[in-house]
């Protein structure tokens, strides 16, 4: 039976959501080779007749020197240099959800590279990809007693801002979320809050 897989880069603070009967979890960090993560994902997919939903929880990055964006995931990051690794999941994963700030950004760089990176992930994996164009909020509550502290699992809740779903061919198949605010038209009669000086 296909399974869900949550991959949490622990540089995103908070406790990894718990595994369940239909969801496995894996933690990665700056010392985890990206190839090691994909080895695990492929092995998991083959052992469970595929992955229905691969959720990646990580920070989005702006790489100033290269004027590009990336996803802070494993040692090598997910970027244009590493996106080819998703081809290893081709035919093994149905849907990839990026819980990453600005993963599908269109305005942070001159070329809207977050959007293009998400398209390349979809094409390489032959999977649908859902990602946000804006910053995403999440909660991880820590409660402490006299003896110990315990944190709740990371909870992303509702998406913030524009969210995009890419088809297997990299084309946008759906957009949802907050539309940009429409600018108010100029007042047609004088506004009493403003006084014209002559």
Protein backbone atom coordinates (compact mmCIF):
# COMPACT_ATOMS: atom_id res chain seq x y z
CA UNK A 1 0.00 0.00 0.00
CA UNK A 2 1.45 3.44 -0.89
CA UNK A 3 2.58 5.55 2.04
CA UNK A 4 3.16 9.22 2.90
CA UNK A 5 6.66 10.41 3.78
CA UNK A 6 7.50 13.53 5.80
CA UNK A 7 11.11 14.72 5.45
CA UNK A 8 12.10 17.36 8.04
CA UNK A 9 15.36 19.28 7.86
CA UNK A 10 15.96 19.96 11.56
CA UNK A 11 17.37 23.42 10.86
CA UNK A 12 13.67 24.25 10.71
CA UNK A 13 13.15 24.34 14.47
CA UNK A 14 10.51 22.20 16.08
CA UNK A 15 9.70 18.55 16.59
CA UNK A 16 9.11 16.34 13.56
CA UNK A 17 5.47 15.23 13.31
CA UNK A 18 4.96 11.69 14.60
CA UNK A 19 4.89 8.75 12.26
CA UNK A 20 1.69 6.78 11.91
CA UNK A 21 0.39 3.67 10.17
CA UNK A 22 0.23 5.47 6.81
CA UNK A 23 2.98 8.10 7.29
CA UNK A 24 6.72 7.63 7.81
CA UNK A 25 9.11 10.39 8.86
CA UNK A 26 12.79 11.10 8.34
CA UNK A 27 14.99 13.82 9.81
CA UNK A 28 17.88 15.29 7.86
CA UNK A 29 20.33 18.10 8.60
CA UNK A 30 23.44 19.83 7.29
CA UNK A 31 25.50 16.63 7.56
CA UNK A 32 23.01 14.37 5.72
CA UNK A 33 24.08 13.73 2.13
CA UNK A 34 21.26 14.51 -0.30
CA UNK A 35 21.98 11.19 -2.00
CA UNK A 36 21.35 9.45 1.34
CA UNK A 37 17.90 11.03 1.59
CA UNK A 38 17.01 9.93 -1.94
CA UNK A 39 18.32 6.41 -1.21
CA UNK A 40 15.91 6.26 1.75
CA UNK A 41 12.99 7.71 -0.25
CA UNK A 42 13.48 5.23 -3.11
CA UNK A 43 13.79 2.31 -0.69
CA UNK A 44 10.63 3.45 1.11
CA UNK A 45 8.72 3.83 -2.15
CA UNK A 46 9.75 0.39 -3.39
CA UNK A 47 8.85 -1.20 -0.05
CA UNK A 48 5.38 0.36 0.01
CA UNK A 49 4.35 0.35 -3.66
CA UNK A 50 5.04 4.08 -3.94
CA UNK A 51 4.77 7.33 -2.01
CA UNK A 52 1.42 9.13 -2.19
CA UNK A 53 2.66 12.37 -0.69
CA UNK A 54 6.24 13.45 0.03
CA UNK A 55 6.21 16.46 2.37
CA UNK A 56 9.47 18.39 2.63
CA UNK A 57 9.73 20.71 5.65
CA UNK A 58 12.67 23.11 5.39
CA UNK A 59 13.77 26.74 5.14
CA UNK A 60 13.85 28.62 1.86
CA UNK A 61 17.10 30.46 1.15
CA UNK A 62 18.18 33.40 -0.94
CA UNK A 63 21.74 32.88 -2.18
CA UNK A 64 22.95 36.46 -2.57
CA UNK A 65 26.21 35.74 -4.42
CA UNK A 66 24.35 33.83 -7.14
CA UNK A 67 21.09 35.86 -7.01
CA UNK A 68 19.12 32.63 -6.75
CA UNK A 69 16.94 30.77 -4.31
CA UNK A 70 17.34 27.27 -2.88
CA UNK A 71 15.83 24.98 -0.26
CA UNK A 72 17.92 24.34 2.88
CA UNK A 73 17.62 20.56 2.78
CA UNK A 74 20.47 18.14 3.49
CA UNK A 75 24.14 19.04 3.04
CA UNK A 76 23.98 20.09 -0.61
CA UNK A 77 20.61 21.96 -0.57
CA UNK A 78 17.89 21.57 -3.21
CA UNK A 79 18.95 23.90 -6.01
CA UNK A 80 19.52 23.93 -9.75
CA UNK A 81 22.71 21.96 -9.17
CA UNK A 82 20.90 19.15 -7.32
CA UNK A 83 17.33 19.12 -8.71
CA UNK A 84 18.25 16.23 -11.04
CA UNK A 85 18.15 13.93 -7.97
CA UNK A 86 14.34 14.06 -8.07
CA UNK A 87 14.47 11.93 -11.24
CA UNK A 88 15.25 9.02 -8.92
CA UNK A 89 11.65 9.30 -7.66
CA UNK A 90 10.15 9.22 -11.15
CA UNK A 91 7.20 6.84 -11.10
CA UNK A 92 7.54 6.35 -7.33
CA UNK A 93 5.89 9.49 -5.90
CA UNK A 94 2.53 11.02 -6.72
CA UNK A 95 2.65 14.44 -5.03
CA UNK A 96 5.43 16.53 -3.46
CA UNK A 97 4.46 19.27 -0.99
CA UNK A 98 7.12 21.86 -0.16
CA UNK A 99 6.53 23.38 3.28
CA UNK A 100 9.17 25.97 2.53
CA UNK A 101 9.06 29.78 2.61
CA UNK A 102 9.22 31.34 -0.86
CA UNK A 103 9.76 27.97 -2.55
CA UNK A 104 7.84 29.09 -5.66
CA UNK A 105 8.85 32.76 -5.47
CA UNK A 106 8.63 34.92 -8.56
CA UNK A 107 9.98 38.26 -7.29
CA UNK A 108 12.94 37.61 -4.97
CA UNK A 109 15.35 37.15 -7.84
CA UNK A 110 15.53 38.78 -11.24
CA UNK A 111 14.52 35.52 -12.90
CA UNK A 112 11.83 34.14 -10.54
CA UNK A 113 13.97 31.12 -9.92
CA UNK A 114 11.91 29.58 -7.12
CA UNK A 115 9.06 29.12 -9.57
CA UNK A 116 11.38 27.52 -12.09
CA UNK A 117 12.99 25.26 -9.46
CA UNK A 118 9.54 23.92 -8.51
CA UNK A 119 8.77 23.30 -12.19
CA UNK A 120 12.01 21.34 -12.53
CA UNK A 121 11.22 19.25 -9.43
CA UNK A 122 7.81 18.35 -10.93
CA UNK A 123 9.31 17.43 -14.28
CA UNK A 124 12.22 15.43 -12.85
CA UNK A 125 10.02 13.43 -10.43
CA UNK A 126 7.05 13.28 -12.82
CA UNK A 127 4.93 14.29 -9.81
CA UNK A 128 2.61 17.12 -8.88
CA UNK A 129 4.28 19.75 -6.69
CA UNK A 130 2.57 22.19 -4.33
CA UNK A 131 4.56 25.18 -3.05
CA UNK A 132 4.07 28.69 -1.68
CA UNK A 133 5.29 31.88 -3.27
CA UNK A 134 5.49 33.70 0.08
CA UNK A 135 6.68 33.28 3.65
CA UNK A 136 4.94 30.51 5.60
CA UNK A 137 4.15 30.56 9.31
CA UNK A 138 4.25 27.47 11.48
CA UNK A 139 3.94 26.68 15.17
CA UNK A 140 5.91 24.44 17.49
CA UNK A 141 4.92 25.06 21.11
CA UNK A 142 7.36 24.20 23.89
CA UNK A 143 6.04 23.42 27.36
CA UNK A 144 8.40 23.09 30.28
CA UNK A 145 8.07 21.66 33.76
CA UNK A 146 10.59 21.62 36.57
CA UNK A 147 12.16 18.50 35.15
CA UNK A 148 11.95 18.65 31.37
CA UNK A 149 10.80 20.58 28.32
CA UNK A 150 8.74 19.07 25.54
CA UNK A 151 7.79 20.62 22.22
CA UNK A 152 4.72 19.91 20.13
CA UNK A 153 5.12 18.67 16.56
CA UNK A 154 5.49 21.31 13.85
CA UNK A 155 2.09 22.45 12.60
CA UNK A 156 1.91 24.52 9.42
CA UNK A 157 -1.84 25.11 9.49
CA UNK A 158 -3.28 27.08 6.58
CA UNK A 159 -1.08 28.32 3.76
CA UNK A 160 -0.18 32.01 3.69
CA UNK A 161 -0.39 33.99 0.46
CA UNK A 162 -0.28 32.56 -3.03
CA UNK A 163 0.15 28.80 -3.38
CA UNK A 164 0.78 27.03 -6.67
CA UNK A 165 0.30 23.45 -7.81
CA UNK A 166 2.43 22.27 -10.73
CA UNK A 167 1.48 19.34 -12.93
CA UNK A 168 3.84 16.53 -13.86
CA UNK A 169 4.92 18.52 -16.92
CA UNK A 170 5.88 21.55 -14.78
CA UNK A 171 2.92 23.68 -15.85
CA UNK A 172 0.82 25.46 -13.24
CA UNK A 173 -2.46 23.55 -12.89
CA UNK A 174 -3.91 25.47 -9.92
CA UNK A 175 -3.33 28.60 -7.87
CA UNK A 176 -5.05 29.43 -4.63
CA UNK A 177 -4.69 31.66 -1.61
CA UNK A 178 -4.76 35.35 -0.98
CA UNK A 179 -4.91 37.45 -4.10
CA UNK A 180 -2.82 40.61 -4.00
CA UNK A 181 -4.79 43.54 -2.62
CA UNK A 182 -6.30 45.74 -5.29
CA UNK A 183 -5.20 49.36 -4.99
CA UNK A 184 -7.98 51.71 -3.95
CA UNK A 185 -8.93 54.22 -6.61
CA UNK A 186 -8.20 57.87 -6.05
CA UNK A 187 -11.07 59.65 -4.27
CA UNK A 188 -13.49 61.40 -6.61
CA UNK A 189 -14.36 64.13 -4.13
CA UNK A 190 -12.13 65.92 -1.63
CA UNK A 191 -11.17 63.90 1.41
CA UNK A 192 -11.71 65.97 4.59
CA UNK A 193 -8.60 64.42 6.17
CA UNK A 194 -6.40 66.30 3.72
CA UNK A 195 -6.17 70.04 3.33
CA UNK A 196 -4.87 71.56 0.15
CA UNK A 197 -2.41 74.37 0.76
CA UNK A 198 -2.30 77.28 -1.63
